[in-house]
PDB file of N, CA and C in Angstrom:
ATOM      1  N   MET A   1      37.116 120.004 203.239  1.00  0.00           N
ATOM      2  CA  MET A   1      37.029 121.029 202.215  1.00  0.00           C
ATOM      3  C   MET A   1      37.622 122.359 202.702  1.00  0.00           C
ATOM      4  N   GLN A   2      37.467 122.649 203.974  1.00  0.00           N
ATOM      5  CA  GLN A   2      38.009 123.907 204.508  1.00  0.00           C
ATOM      6  C   GLN A   2      39.538 123.920 204.426  1.00  0.00           C
ATOM      7  N   VAL A   3      40.146 122.778 204.723  1.00  0.00           N
ATOM      8  CA  VAL A   3      41.614 122.685 204.643  1.00  0.00           C
ATOM      9  C   VAL A   3      42.071 122.861 203.203  1.00  0.00           C
ATOM     10  N   LEU A   4      41.350 122.229 202.281  1.00  0.00           N
ATOM     11  CA  LEU A   4      41.685 122.355 200.865  1.00  0.00           C
ATOM     12  C   LEU A   4      41.532 123.793 200.389  1.00  0.00           C
ATOM     13  N   LYS A   5      40.506 124.468 200.873  1.00  0.00           N
ATOM     14  CA  LYS A   5      40.281 125.866 200.502  1.00  0.00           C
ATOM     15  C   LYS A   5      41.454 126.741 200.948  1.00  0.00           C
ATOM     16  N   VAL A   6      41.952 126.521 202.165  1.00  0.00           N
ATOM     17  CA  VAL A   6      43.080 127.294 202.693  1.00  0.00           C
ATOM     18  C   VAL A   6      44.351 126.981 201.894  1.00  0.00           C
ATOM     19  N   LYS A   7      44.565 125.700 201.562  1.00  0.00           N
ATOM     20  CA  LYS A   7      45.763 125.318 200.811  1.00  0.00           C
ATOM     21  C   LYS A   7      45.766 125.941 199.412  1.00  0.00           C
ATOM     22  N   VAL A   8      44.610 125.947 198.759  1.00  0.00           N
ATOM     23  CA  VAL A   8      44.521 126.542 197.415  1.00  0.00           C
ATOM     24  C   VAL A   8      44.791 128.036 197.481  1.00  0.00           C
ATOM     25  N   ALA A   9      44.260 128.721 198.498  1.00  0.00           N
ATOM     26  CA  ALA A   9      44.494 130.160 198.640  1.00  0.00           C
ATOM     27  C   ALA A   9      45.975 130.454 198.875  1.00  0.00           C
ATOM     28  N   LYS A  10      46.628 129.648 199.732  1.00  0.00           N
ATOM     29  CA  LYS A  10      48.062 129.861 199.989  1.00  0.00           C
ATOM     30  C   LYS A  10      48.890 129.590 198.732  1.00  0.00           C
ATOM     31  N   THR A  11      48.551 128.541 198.003  1.00  0.00           N
ATOM     32  CA  THR A  11      49.297 128.212 196.785  1.00  0.00           C
ATOM     33  C   THR A  11      49.148 129.306 195.738  1.00  0.00           C
ATOM     34  N   MET A  12      47.933 129.813 195.565  1.00  0.00           N
ATOM     35  CA  MET A  12      47.721 130.877 194.576  1.00  0.00           C
ATOM     36  C   MET A  12      48.439 132.164 194.972  1.00  0.00           C
ATOM     37  N   SER A  13      48.461 132.487 196.268  1.00  0.00           N
ATOM     38  CA  SER A  13      49.177 133.697 196.691  1.00  0.00           C
ATOM     39  C   SER A  13      50.690 133.533 196.502  1.00  0.00           C
ATOM     40  N   THR A  14      51.196 132.300 196.690  1.00  0.00           N
ATOM     41  CA  THR A  14      52.619 132.042 196.448  1.00  0.00           C
ATOM     42  C   THR A  14      52.941 132.214 194.965  1.00  0.00           C
ATOM     43  N   PHE A  15      52.081 131.694 194.108  1.00  0.00           N
ATOM     44  CA  PHE A  15      52.262 131.892 192.658  1.00  0.00           C
ATOM     45  C   PHE A  15      52.271 133.368 192.294  1.00  0.00           C
ATOM     46  N   GLU A  16      51.384 134.144 192.922  1.00  0.00           N
ATOM     47  CA  GLU A  16      51.305 135.576 192.603  1.00  0.00           C
ATOM     48  C   GLU A  16      52.552 136.321 193.048  1.00  0.00           C
ATOM     49  N   LYS A  17      53.202 135.815 194.094  1.00  0.00           N
ATOM     50  CA  LYS A  17      54.454 136.439 194.544  1.00  0.00           C
ATOM     51  C   LYS A  17      55.599 136.145 193.585  1.00  0.00           C
ATOM     52  N   VAL A  18      55.621 134.925 193.037  1.00  0.00           N
ATOM     53  CA  VAL A  18      56.740 134.494 192.203  1.00  0.00           C
ATOM     54  C   VAL A  18      56.591 134.964 190.760  1.00  0.00           C
ATOM     55  N   PHE A  19      55.424 134.775 190.183  1.00  0.00           N
ATOM     56  CA  PHE A  19      55.214 135.098 188.766  1.00  0.00           C
ATOM     57  C   PHE A  19      54.664 136.514 188.601  1.00  0.00           C
ATOM     58  N   PRO A  20      54.953 137.147 187.473  1.00  0.00           N
ATOM     59  CA  PRO A  20      54.417 138.490 187.238  1.00  0.00           C
ATOM     60  C   PRO A  20      52.894 138.437 187.005  1.00  0.00           C
ATOM     61  N   PRO A  21      52.204 139.549 187.197  1.00  0.00           N
ATOM     62  CA  PRO A  21      50.738 139.570 187.038  1.00  0.00           C
ATOM     63  C   PRO A  21      50.258 139.217 185.631  1.00  0.00           C
ATOM     64  N   MET A  22      51.121 139.371 184.617  1.00  0.00           N
ATOM     65  CA  MET A  22      50.716 139.039 183.245  1.00  0.00           C
ATOM     66  C   MET A  22      50.397 137.555 183.091  1.00  0.00           C
ATOM     67  N   CYS A  23      50.972 136.717 183.941  1.00  0.00           N
ATOM     68  CA  CYS A  23      50.775 135.274 183.824  1.00  0.00           C
ATOM     69  C   CYS A  23      49.395 134.829 184.292  1.00  0.00           C
ATOM     70  N   PHE A  24      48.676 135.686 184.967  1.00  0.00           N
ATOM     71  CA  PHE A  24      47.401 135.287 185.563  1.00  0.00           C
ATOM     72  C   PHE A  24      46.240 135.882 184.779  1.00  0.00           C
ATOM     73  N   ASP A  25      45.262 135.051 184.560  1.00  0.00           N
ATOM     74  CA  ASP A  25      44.021 135.513 183.939  1.00  0.00           C
ATOM     75  C   ASP A  25      42.863 134.962 184.764  1.00  0.00           C
ATOM     76  N   VAL A  26      41.699 134.997 184.211  1.00  0.00           N
ATOM     77  CA  VAL A  26      40.506 134.548 184.930  1.00  0.00           C
ATOM     78  C   VAL A  26      40.585 133.066 185.264  1.00  0.00           C
ATOM     79  N   MET A  27      41.164 132.274 184.383  1.00  0.00           N
ATOM     80  CA  MET A  27      41.197 130.827 184.590  1.00  0.00           C
ATOM     81  C   MET A  27      42.004 130.446 185.829  1.00  0.00           C
ATOM     82  N   THR A  28      43.107 131.156 186.097  1.00  0.00           N
ATOM     83  CA  THR A  28      43.869 130.836 187.298  1.00  0.00           C
ATOM     84  C   THR A  28      43.112 131.247 188.554  1.00  0.00           C
ATOM     85  N   HIS A  29      42.329 132.293 188.474  1.00  0.00           N
ATOM     86  CA  HIS A  29      41.529 132.722 189.621  1.00  0.00           C
ATOM     87  C   HIS A  29      40.386 131.737 189.894  1.00  0.00           C
ATOM     88  N   LEU A  30      39.908 131.054 188.868  1.00  0.00           N
ATOM     89  CA  LEU A  30      38.807 130.108 189.045  1.00  0.00           C
ATOM     90  C   LEU A  30      39.176 128.925 189.921  1.00  0.00           C
ATOM     91  N   VAL A  31      40.461 128.629 190.054  1.00  0.00           N
ATOM     92  CA  VAL A  31      40.891 127.519 190.908  1.00  0.00           C
ATOM     93  C   VAL A  31      40.434 127.751 192.345  1.00  0.00           C
ATOM     94  N   VAL A  32      40.460 129.004 192.780  1.00  0.00           N
ATOM     95  CA  VAL A  32      40.009 129.333 194.133  1.00  0.00           C
ATOM     96  C   VAL A  32      38.535 128.976 194.298  1.00  0.00           C
ATOM     97  N   HIS A  33      37.747 129.235 193.285  1.00  0.00           N
ATOM     98  CA  HIS A  33      36.302 128.996 193.380  1.00  0.00           C
ATOM     99  C   HIS A  33      35.921 127.541 193.147  1.00  0.00           C
ATOM    100  N   LEU A  34      36.794 126.748 192.567  1.00  0.00           N
ATOM    101  CA  LEU A  34      36.485 125.337 192.341  1.00  0.00           C
ATOM    102  C   LEU A  34      36.259 124.583 193.644  1.00  0.00           C
ATOM    103  N   VAL A  35      37.036 124.919 194.664  1.00  0.00           N
ATOM    104  CA  VAL A  35      36.876 124.241 195.952  1.00  0.00           C
ATOM    105  C   VAL A  35      35.519 124.592 196.557  1.00  0.00           C
ATOM    106  N   GLU A  36      35.131 125.861 196.481  1.00  0.00           N
ATOM    107  CA  GLU A  36      33.810 126.268 196.987  1.00  0.00           C
ATOM    108  C   GLU A  36      32.702 125.558 196.221  1.00  0.00           C
ATOM    109  N   GLU A  37      32.889 125.455 194.918  1.00  0.00           N
ATOM    110  CA  GLU A  37      31.884 124.805 194.083  1.00  0.00           C
ATOM    111  C   GLU A  37      31.755 123.326 194.416  1.00  0.00           C
ATOM    112  N   LEU A  38      32.867 122.663 194.682  1.00  0.00           N
ATOM    113  CA  LEU A  38      32.818 121.261 195.102  1.00  0.00           C
ATOM    114  C   LEU A  38      32.076 121.113 196.423  1.00  0.00           C
ATOM    115  N   ASP A  39      32.315 122.051 197.311  1.00  0.00           N
ATOM    116  CA  ASP A  39      31.664 121.996 198.617  1.00  0.00           C
ATOM    117  C   ASP A  39      30.166 122.225 198.492  1.00  0.00           C
ATOM    118  N   LEU A  40      29.762 123.150 197.627  1.00  0.00           N
ATOM    119  CA  LEU A  40      28.338 123.484 197.492  1.00  0.00           C
ATOM    120  C   LEU A  40      27.569 122.491 196.632  1.00  0.00           C
ATOM    121  N   CYS A  41      28.158 122.087 195.500  1.00  0.00           N
ATOM    122  CA  CYS A  41      27.400 121.319 194.497  1.00  0.00           C
ATOM    123  C   CYS A  41      27.723 119.835 194.455  1.00  0.00           C
ATOM    124  N   GLY A  42      28.819 119.431 195.026  1.00  0.00           N
ATOM    125  CA  GLY A  42      29.176 118.021 194.955  1.00  0.00           C
ATOM    126  C   GLY A  42      30.085 117.739 193.777  1.00  0.00           C
ATOM    127  N   PRO A  43      30.221 116.461 193.426  1.00  0.00           N
ATOM    128  CA  PRO A  43      31.159 116.103 192.358  1.00  0.00           C
ATOM    129  C   PRO A  43      30.763 116.661 190.996  1.00  0.00           C
ATOM    130  N   LEU A  44      31.723 116.699 190.123  1.00  0.00           N
ATOM    131  CA  LEU A  44      31.554 117.336 188.816  1.00  0.00           C
ATOM    132  C   LEU A  44      30.546 116.625 187.924  1.00  0.00           C
ATOM    133  N   HIS A  45      30.493 115.307 187.947  1.00  0.00           N
ATOM    134  CA  HIS A  45      29.650 114.577 186.998  1.00  0.00           C
ATOM    135  C   HIS A  45      28.168 114.889 187.160  1.00  0.00           C
ATOM    136  N   THR A  46      27.752 115.456 188.292  1.00  0.00           N
ATOM    137  CA  THR A  46      26.331 115.763 188.480  1.00  0.00           C
ATOM    138  C   THR A  46      25.929 117.075 187.809  1.00  0.00           C
ATOM    139  N   ARG A  47      26.875 117.893 187.448  1.00  0.00           N
ATOM    140  CA  ARG A  47      26.554 119.191 186.833  1.00  0.00           C
ATOM    141  C   ARG A  47      27.422 119.475 185.603  1.00  0.00           C
ATOM    142  N   TRP A  48      27.781 118.459 184.900  1.00  0.00           N
ATOM    143  CA  TRP A  48      28.667 118.581 183.759  1.00  0.00           C
ATOM    144  C   TRP A  48      27.961 119.270 182.611  1.00  0.00           C
ATOM    145  N   MET A  49      28.552 120.292 182.045  1.00  0.00           N
ATOM    146  CA  MET A  49      27.924 121.101 181.005  1.00  0.00           C
ATOM    147  C   MET A  49      28.355 120.712 179.590  1.00  0.00           C
ATOM    148  N   TYR A  50      29.224 119.743 179.440  1.00  0.00           N
ATOM    149  CA  TYR A  50      29.749 119.396 178.121  1.00  0.00           C
ATOM    150  C   TYR A  50      28.657 119.017 177.120  1.00  0.00           C
ATOM    151  N   PRO A  51      27.650 118.194 177.481  1.00  0.00           N
ATOM    152  CA  PRO A  51      26.609 117.887 176.488  1.00  0.00           C
ATOM    153  C   PRO A  51      25.847 119.125 176.024  1.00  0.00           C
ATOM    154  N   MET A  52      25.578 120.055 176.945  1.00  0.00           N
ATOM    155  CA  MET A  52      24.884 121.276 176.549  1.00  0.00           C
ATOM    156  C   MET A  52      25.737 122.159 175.652  1.00  0.00           C
ATOM    157  N   GLU A  53      27.033 122.210 175.936  1.00  0.00           N
ATOM    158  CA  GLU A  53      27.924 123.005 175.091  1.00  0.00           C
ATOM    159  C   GLU A  53      28.015 122.416 173.689  1.00  0.00           C
ATOM    160  N   ARG A  54      28.051 121.095 173.579  1.00  0.00           N
ATOM    161  CA  ARG A  54      28.069 120.467 172.258  1.00  0.00           C
ATOM    162  C   ARG A  54      26.782 120.755 171.506  1.00  0.00           C
ATOM    163  N   TYR A  55      25.658 120.734 172.218  1.00  0.00           N
ATOM    164  CA  TYR A  55      24.383 121.012 171.572  1.00  0.00           C
ATOM    165  C   TYR A  55      24.311 122.466 171.108  1.00  0.00           C
ATOM    166  N   MET A  56      24.857 123.382 171.899  1.00  0.00           N
ATOM    167  CA  MET A  56      24.898 124.783 171.477  1.00  0.00           C
ATOM    168  C   MET A  56      25.770 124.944 170.235  1.00  0.00           C
ATOM    169  N   LYS A  57      26.835 124.150 170.128  1.00  0.00           N
ATOM    170  CA  LYS A  57      27.655 124.192 168.915  1.00  0.00           C
ATOM    171  C   LYS A  57      26.843 123.741 167.709  1.00  0.00           C
ATOM    172  N   ALA A  58      26.014 122.718 167.897  1.00  0.00           N
ATOM    173  CA  ALA A  58      25.165 122.264 166.794  1.00  0.00           C
ATOM    174  C   ALA A  58      24.159 123.333 166.411  1.00  0.00           C
ATOM    175  N   LEU A  59      23.589 124.020 167.397  1.00  0.00           N
ATOM    176  CA  LEU A  59      22.635 125.095 167.102  1.00  0.00           C
ATOM    177  C   LEU A  59      23.318 126.268 166.409  1.00  0.00           C
ATOM    178  N   LYS A  60      24.537 126.585 166.828  1.00  0.00           N
ATOM    179  CA  LYS A  60      25.261 127.685 166.188  1.00  0.00           C
ATOM    180  C   LYS A  60      25.589 127.371 164.740  1.00  0.00           C
ATOM    181  N   GLY A  61      25.629 126.093 164.389  1.00  0.00           N
ATOM    182  CA  GLY A  61      25.875 125.699 163.006  1.00  0.00           C
ATOM    183  C   GLY A  61      24.735 126.067 162.078  1.00  0.00           C
ATOM    184  N   TYR A  62      23.537 126.309 162.626  1.00  0.00           N
ATOM    185  CA  TYR A  62      22.390 126.700 161.809  1.00  0.00           C
ATOM    186  C   TYR A  62      22.422 128.175 161.425  1.00  0.00           C
ATOM    187  N   VAL A  63      23.243 128.974 162.083  1.00  0.00           N
ATOM    188  CA  VAL A  63      23.245 130.414 161.878  1.00  0.00           C
ATOM    189  C   VAL A  63      23.850 130.744 160.522  1.00  0.00           C
ATOM    190  N   ARG A  64      23.085 131.415 159.700  1.00  0.00           N
ATOM    191  CA  ARG A  64      23.567 131.892 158.406  1.00  0.00           C
ATOM    192  C   ARG A  64      23.629 133.418 158.382  1.00  0.00           C
ATOM    193  N   ASN A  65      22.759 134.056 159.137  1.00  0.00           N
ATOM    194  CA  ASN A  65      22.714 135.502 159.208  1.00  0.00           C
ATOM    195  C   ASN A  65      22.978 135.899 160.658  1.00  0.00           C
ATOM    196  N   VAL A  66      24.088 136.575 160.918  1.00  0.00           N
ATOM    197  CA  VAL A  66      24.486 136.898 162.285  1.00  0.00           C
ATOM    198  C   VAL A  66      23.498 137.861 162.942  1.00  0.00           C
ATOM    199  N   VAL A  67      22.836 138.679 162.153  1.00  0.00           N
ATOM    200  CA  VAL A  67      21.886 139.637 162.711  1.00  0.00           C
ATOM    201  C   VAL A  67      20.705 138.925 163.356  1.00  0.00           C
ATOM    202  N   GLN A  68      20.252 137.844 162.756  1.00  0.00           N
ATOM    203  CA  GLN A  68      19.095 137.115 163.269  1.00  0.00           C
ATOM    204  C   GLN A  68      19.505 135.702 163.686  1.00  0.00           C
ATOM    205  N   SER A  69      20.499 135.631 164.562  1.00  0.00           N
ATOM    206  CA  SER A  69      21.067 134.324 164.910  1.00  0.00           C
ATOM    207  C   SER A  69      20.073 133.451 165.666  1.00  0.00           C
ATOM    208  N   LYS A  70      19.281 134.042 166.582  1.00  0.00           N
ATOM    209  CA  LYS A  70      18.331 133.225 167.347  1.00  0.00           C
ATOM    210  C   LYS A  70      17.242 132.665 166.443  1.00  0.00           C
ATOM    211  N   GLY A  71      16.748 133.480 165.516  1.00  0.00           N
ATOM    212  CA  GLY A  71      15.738 133.007 164.582  1.00  0.00           C
ATOM    213  C   GLY A  71      16.256 131.893 163.694  1.00  0.00           C
ATOM    214  N   ASN A  72      17.522 132.022 163.264  1.00  0.00           N
ATOM    215  CA  ASN A  72      18.125 130.972 162.445  1.00  0.00           C
ATOM    216  C   ASN A  72      18.269 129.669 163.221  1.00  0.00           C
ATOM    217  N   MET A  73      18.631 129.778 164.500  1.00  0.00           N
ATOM    218  CA  MET A  73      18.759 128.575 165.328  1.00  0.00           C
ATOM    219  C   MET A  73      17.408 127.881 165.480  1.00  0.00           C
ATOM    220  N   VAL A  74      16.368 128.666 165.722  1.00  0.00           N
ATOM    221  CA  VAL A  74      15.034 128.090 165.897  1.00  0.00           C
ATOM    222  C   VAL A  74      14.555 127.451 164.605  1.00  0.00           C
ATOM    223  N   THR A  75      14.738 128.143 163.499  1.00  0.00           N
ATOM    224  CA  THR A  75      14.310 127.610 162.205  1.00  0.00           C
ATOM    225  C   THR A  75      15.077 126.341 161.858  1.00  0.00           C
ATOM    226  N   GLY A  76      16.397 126.355 162.050  1.00  0.00           N
ATOM    227  CA  GLY A  76      17.202 125.174 161.762  1.00  0.00           C
ATOM    228  C   GLY A  76      16.817 123.994 162.631  1.00  0.00           C
ATOM    229  N   TYR A  77      16.547 124.256 163.915  1.00  0.00           N
ATOM    230  CA  TYR A  77      16.132 123.192 164.822  1.00  0.00           C
ATOM    231  C   TYR A  77      14.791 122.611 164.380  1.00  0.00           C
ATOM    232  N   ALA A  78      13.846 123.496 164.020  1.00  0.00           N
ATOM    233  CA  ALA A  78      12.529 123.023 163.584  1.00  0.00           C
ATOM    234  C   ALA A  78      12.636 122.204 162.301  1.00  0.00           C
ATOM    235  N   ILE A  79      13.434 122.658 161.354  1.00  0.00           N
ATOM    236  CA  ILE A  79      13.596 121.918 160.100  1.00  0.00           C
ATOM    237  C   ILE A  79      14.215 120.547 160.364  1.00  0.00           C
ATOM    238  N   GLU A  80      15.213 120.500 161.251  1.00  0.00           N
ATOM    239  CA  GLU A  80      15.845 119.214 161.562  1.00  0.00           C
ATOM    240  C   GLU A  80      14.846 118.250 162.197  1.00  0.00           C
ATOM    241  N   LYS A  81      14.014 118.747 163.109  1.00  0.00           N
ATOM    242  CA  LYS A  81      13.036 117.880 163.761  1.00  0.00           C
ATOM    243  C   LYS A  81      11.971 117.406 162.777  1.00  0.00           C
ATOM    244  N   VAL A  82      11.504 118.297 161.909  1.00  0.00           N
ATOM    245  CA  VAL A  82      10.482 117.918 160.926  1.00  0.00           C
ATOM    246  C   VAL A  82      11.038 116.886 159.954  1.00  0.00           C
ATOM    247  N   LEU A  83      12.252 117.109 159.456  1.00  0.00           N
ATOM    248  CA  LEU A  83      12.848 116.142 158.535  1.00  0.00           C
ATOM    249  C   LEU A  83      13.110 114.802 159.214  1.00  0.00           C
ATOM    250  N   GLY A  84      13.520 114.846 160.472  1.00  0.00           N
ATOM    251  CA  GLY A  84      13.717 113.605 161.207  1.00  0.00           C
ATOM    252  C   GLY A  84      12.418 112.839 161.370  1.00  0.00           C
ATOM    253  N   PHE A  85      11.339 113.577 161.695  1.00  0.00           N
ATOM    254  CA  PHE A  85      10.040 112.929 161.833  1.00  0.00           C
ATOM    255  C   PHE A  85       9.581 112.350 160.499  1.00  0.00           C
ATOM    256  N   CYS A  86       9.742 113.120 159.426  1.00  0.00           N
ATOM    257  CA  CYS A  86       9.301 112.646 158.103  1.00  0.00           C
ATOM    258  C   CYS A  86      10.061 111.395 157.676  1.00  0.00           C
ATOM    259  N   THR A  87      11.359 111.369 157.898  1.00  0.00           N
ATOM    260  CA  THR A  87      12.111 110.182 157.488  1.00  0.00           C
ATOM    261  C   THR A  87      11.715 108.963 158.310  1.00  0.00           C
ATOM    262  N   GLU A  88      11.453 109.151 159.599  1.00  0.00           N
ATOM    263  CA  GLU A  88      10.994 108.018 160.404  1.00  0.00           C
ATOM    264  C   GLU A  88       9.595 107.586 159.984  1.00  0.00           C
ATOM    265  N   TYR A  89       8.741 108.557 159.642  1.00  0.00           N
ATOM    266  CA  TYR A  89       7.367 108.255 159.253  1.00  0.00           C
ATOM    267  C   TYR A  89       7.329 107.539 157.908  1.00  0.00           C
ATOM    268  N   ILE A  90       8.149 107.988 156.973  1.00  0.00           N
ATOM    269  CA  ILE A  90       8.160 107.409 155.630  1.00  0.00           C
ATOM    270  C   ILE A  90       8.772 106.007 155.642  1.00  0.00           C
ATOM    271  N   GLN A  91       9.690 105.743 156.545  1.00  0.00           N
ATOM    272  CA  GLN A  91      10.318 104.421 156.592  1.00  0.00           C
ATOM    273  C   GLN A  91       9.313 103.327 156.926  1.00  0.00           C
ATOM    274  N   GLY A  92       8.192 103.674 157.544  1.00  0.00           N
ATOM    275  CA  GLY A  92       7.187 102.685 157.888  1.00  0.00           C
ATOM    276  C   GLY A  92       6.374 102.206 156.709  1.00  0.00           C
ATOM    277  N   PHE A  93       6.441 102.889 155.585  1.00  0.00           N
ATOM    278  CA  PHE A  93       5.650 102.533 154.413  1.00  0.00           C
ATOM    279  C   PHE A  93       6.438 101.657 153.458  1.00  0.00           C
ATOM    280  N   GLN A  94       5.722 100.792 152.751  1.00  0.00           N
ATOM    281  CA  GLN A  94       6.331  99.975 151.709  1.00  0.00           C
ATOM    282  C   GLN A  94       6.382 100.796 150.429  1.00  0.00           C
ATOM    283  N   SER A  95       7.470 100.695 149.701  1.00  0.00           N
ATOM    284  CA  SER A  95       7.548 101.419 148.441  1.00  0.00           C
ATOM    285  C   SER A  95       6.680 100.708 147.405  1.00  0.00           C
ATOM    286  N   MET A  96       6.125 101.488 146.493  1.00  0.00           N
ATOM    287  CA  MET A  96       5.245 100.914 145.466  1.00  0.00           C
ATOM    288  C   MET A  96       6.076 100.212 144.402  1.00  0.00           C
ATOM    289  N   LYS A  97       5.596  99.097 143.945  1.00  0.00           N
ATOM    290  CA  LYS A  97       6.287  98.342 142.899  1.00  0.00           C
ATOM    291  C   LYS A  97       5.976  98.917 141.524  1.00  0.00           C
ATOM    292  N   ARG A  98       4.803  99.520 141.378  1.00  0.00           N
ATOM    293  CA  ARG A  98       4.354 100.024 140.087  1.00  0.00           C
ATOM    294  C   ARG A  98       4.893 101.429 139.856  1.00  0.00           C
ATOM    295  N   LYS A  99       5.277 101.720 138.650  1.00  0.00           N
ATOM    296  CA  LYS A  99       5.756 103.046 138.303  1.00  0.00           C
ATOM    297  C   LYS A  99       4.563 103.973 138.097  1.00  0.00           C
ATOM    298  N   MET A 100       4.848 105.208 137.847  1.00  0.00           N
ATOM    299  CA  MET A 100       3.785 106.167 137.564  1.00  0.00           C
ATOM    300  C   MET A 100       3.057 105.785 136.282  1.00  0.00           C
ATOM    301  N   TRP A 101       3.787 105.267 135.334  1.00  0.00           N
ATOM    302  CA  TRP A 101       3.174 104.764 134.113  1.00  0.00           C
ATOM    303  C   TRP A 101       3.825 103.428 133.787  1.00  0.00           C
ATOM    304  N   ASP A 102       3.113 102.626 133.098  1.00  0.00           N
ATOM    305  CA  ASP A 102       3.617 101.313 132.730  1.00  0.00           C
ATOM    306  C   ASP A 102       3.616 101.238 131.209  1.00  0.00           C
ATOM    307  N   ASP A 103       4.709 100.822 130.625  1.00  0.00           N
ATOM    308  CA  ASP A 103       4.820 100.789 129.163  1.00  0.00           C
ATOM    309  C   ASP A 103       3.767  99.882 128.539  1.00  0.00           C
ATOM    310  N   LYS A 104       3.436  98.798 129.197  1.00  0.00           N
ATOM    311  CA  LYS A 104       2.466  97.861 128.647  1.00  0.00           C
ATOM    312  C   LYS A 104       1.067  98.465 128.627  1.00  0.00           C
ATOM    313  N   GLU A 105       0.747  99.281 129.622  1.00  0.00           N
ATOM    314  CA  GLU A 105      -0.579  99.899 129.664  1.00  0.00           C
ATOM    315  C   GLU A 105      -0.665 101.098 128.727  1.00  0.00           C
ATOM    316  N   GLU A 106       0.463 101.709 128.470  1.00  0.00           N
ATOM    317  CA  GLU A 106       0.448 102.930 127.679  1.00  0.00           C
ATOM    318  C   GLU A 106       0.196 102.663 126.192  1.00  0.00           C
ATOM    319  N   LEU A 107       0.626 101.541 125.677  1.00  0.00           N
ATOM    320  CA  LEU A 107       0.510 101.240 124.249  1.00  0.00           C
ATOM    321  C   LEU A 107      -0.943 101.218 123.760  1.00  0.00           C
ATOM    322  N   PRO A 108      -1.886 100.514 124.411  1.00  0.00           N
ATOM    323  CA  PRO A 108      -3.264 100.548 123.918  1.00  0.00           C
ATOM    324  C   PRO A 108      -3.873 101.949 123.938  1.00  0.00           C
ATOM    325  N   CYS A 109      -3.545 102.732 124.978  1.00  0.00           N
ATOM    326  CA  CYS A 109      -4.070 104.098 125.044  1.00  0.00           C
ATOM    327  C   CYS A 109      -3.525 104.938 123.892  1.00  0.00           C
ATOM    328  N   MET A 110      -2.248 104.756 123.597  1.00  0.00           N
ATOM    329  CA  MET A 110      -1.641 105.505 122.511  1.00  0.00           C
ATOM    330  C   MET A 110      -2.242 105.100 121.165  1.00  0.00           C
ATOM    331  N   MET A 111      -2.558 103.819 121.000  1.00  0.00           N
ATOM    332  CA  MET A 111      -3.158 103.363 119.747  1.00  0.00           C
ATOM    333  C   MET A 111      -4.523 104.009 119.542  1.00  0.00           C
ATOM    334  N   LYS A 112      -5.322 104.070 120.627  1.00  0.00           N
ATOM    335  CA  LYS A 112      -6.627 104.733 120.519  1.00  0.00           C
ATOM    336  C   LYS A 112      -6.449 106.194 120.144  1.00  0.00           C
ATOM    337  N   TYR A 113      -5.495 106.845 120.752  1.00  0.00           N
ATOM    338  CA  TYR A 113      -5.246 108.243 120.484  1.00  0.00           C
ATOM    339  C   TYR A 113      -4.797 108.438 119.040  1.00  0.00           C
ATOM    340  N   LEU A 114      -3.915 107.545 118.571  1.00  0.00           N
ATOM    341  CA  LEU A 114      -3.442 107.661 117.196  1.00  0.00           C
ATOM    342  C   LEU A 114      -4.572 107.403 116.194  1.00  0.00           C
ATOM    343  N   LYS A 115      -5.478 106.467 116.506  1.00  0.00           N
ATOM    344  CA  LYS A 115      -6.613 106.203 115.621  1.00  0.00           C
ATOM    345  C   LYS A 115      -7.512 107.404 115.534  1.00  0.00           C
ATOM    346  N   VAL A 116      -7.753 108.039 116.690  1.00  0.00           N
ATOM    347  CA  VAL A 116      -8.608 109.239 116.693  1.00  0.00           C
ATOM    348  C   VAL A 116      -7.932 110.358 115.916  1.00  0.00           C
ATOM    349  N   MET A 117      -6.648 110.524 116.126  1.00  0.00           N
ATOM    350  CA  MET A 117      -5.918 111.561 115.422  1.00  0.00           C
ATOM    351  C   MET A 117      -5.867 111.269 113.916  1.00  0.00           C
ATOM    352  N   GLY A 118      -5.701 109.985 113.567  1.00  0.00           N
ATOM    353  CA  GLY A 118      -5.671 109.588 112.161  1.00  0.00           C
ATOM    354  C   GLY A 118      -7.027 109.859 111.504  1.00  0.00           C
ATOM    355  N   ALA A 119      -8.120 109.631 112.235  1.00  0.00           N
ATOM    356  CA  ALA A 119      -9.453 109.878 111.702  1.00  0.00           C
ATOM    357  C   ALA A 119      -9.668 111.372 111.498  1.00  0.00           C
ATOM    358  N   LEU A 120      -9.097 112.185 112.391  1.00  0.00           N
ATOM    359  CA  LEU A 120      -9.254 113.630 112.270  1.00  0.00           C
ATOM    360  C   LEU A 120      -8.440 114.181 111.102  1.00  0.00           C
ATOM    361  N   ILE A 121      -7.284 113.566 110.864  1.00  0.00           N
ATOM    362  CA  ILE A 121      -6.417 114.040 109.792  1.00  0.00           C
ATOM    363  C   ILE A 121      -7.018 113.668 108.432  1.00  0.00           C
ATOM    364  N   ASP A 122      -7.586 112.477 108.319  1.00  0.00           N
ATOM    365  CA  ASP A 122      -8.117 112.024 107.034  1.00  0.00           C
ATOM    366  C   ASP A 122      -9.308 112.800 106.689  1.00  0.00           C
TER     367      ASP A 122
END
């Protein structure tokens, strides 16, 4: 790693001699620190941030009011979890075969009502 660190430093200084300073930004400077990071932390797959960045993108999708962005993220996350729980909970139940009202049951009740109303009218 020490040899690689020296080679990266020499290569970056050579680039700085050849190219104008406008060509360099923070990203080109980060190459120098990548070797140190490999030496300290190990391979990349153990500290990969891509899943967290994708999740932050999902949380940012909940923001409707920029002034209260954190509150919107929390509310959106809570609503998503509650709806997810409810849909999983409801899937465990069998749907009812009977409607709220049944036409066959309603007719006798209506006849009684009409008889009472007819008696009141007469």
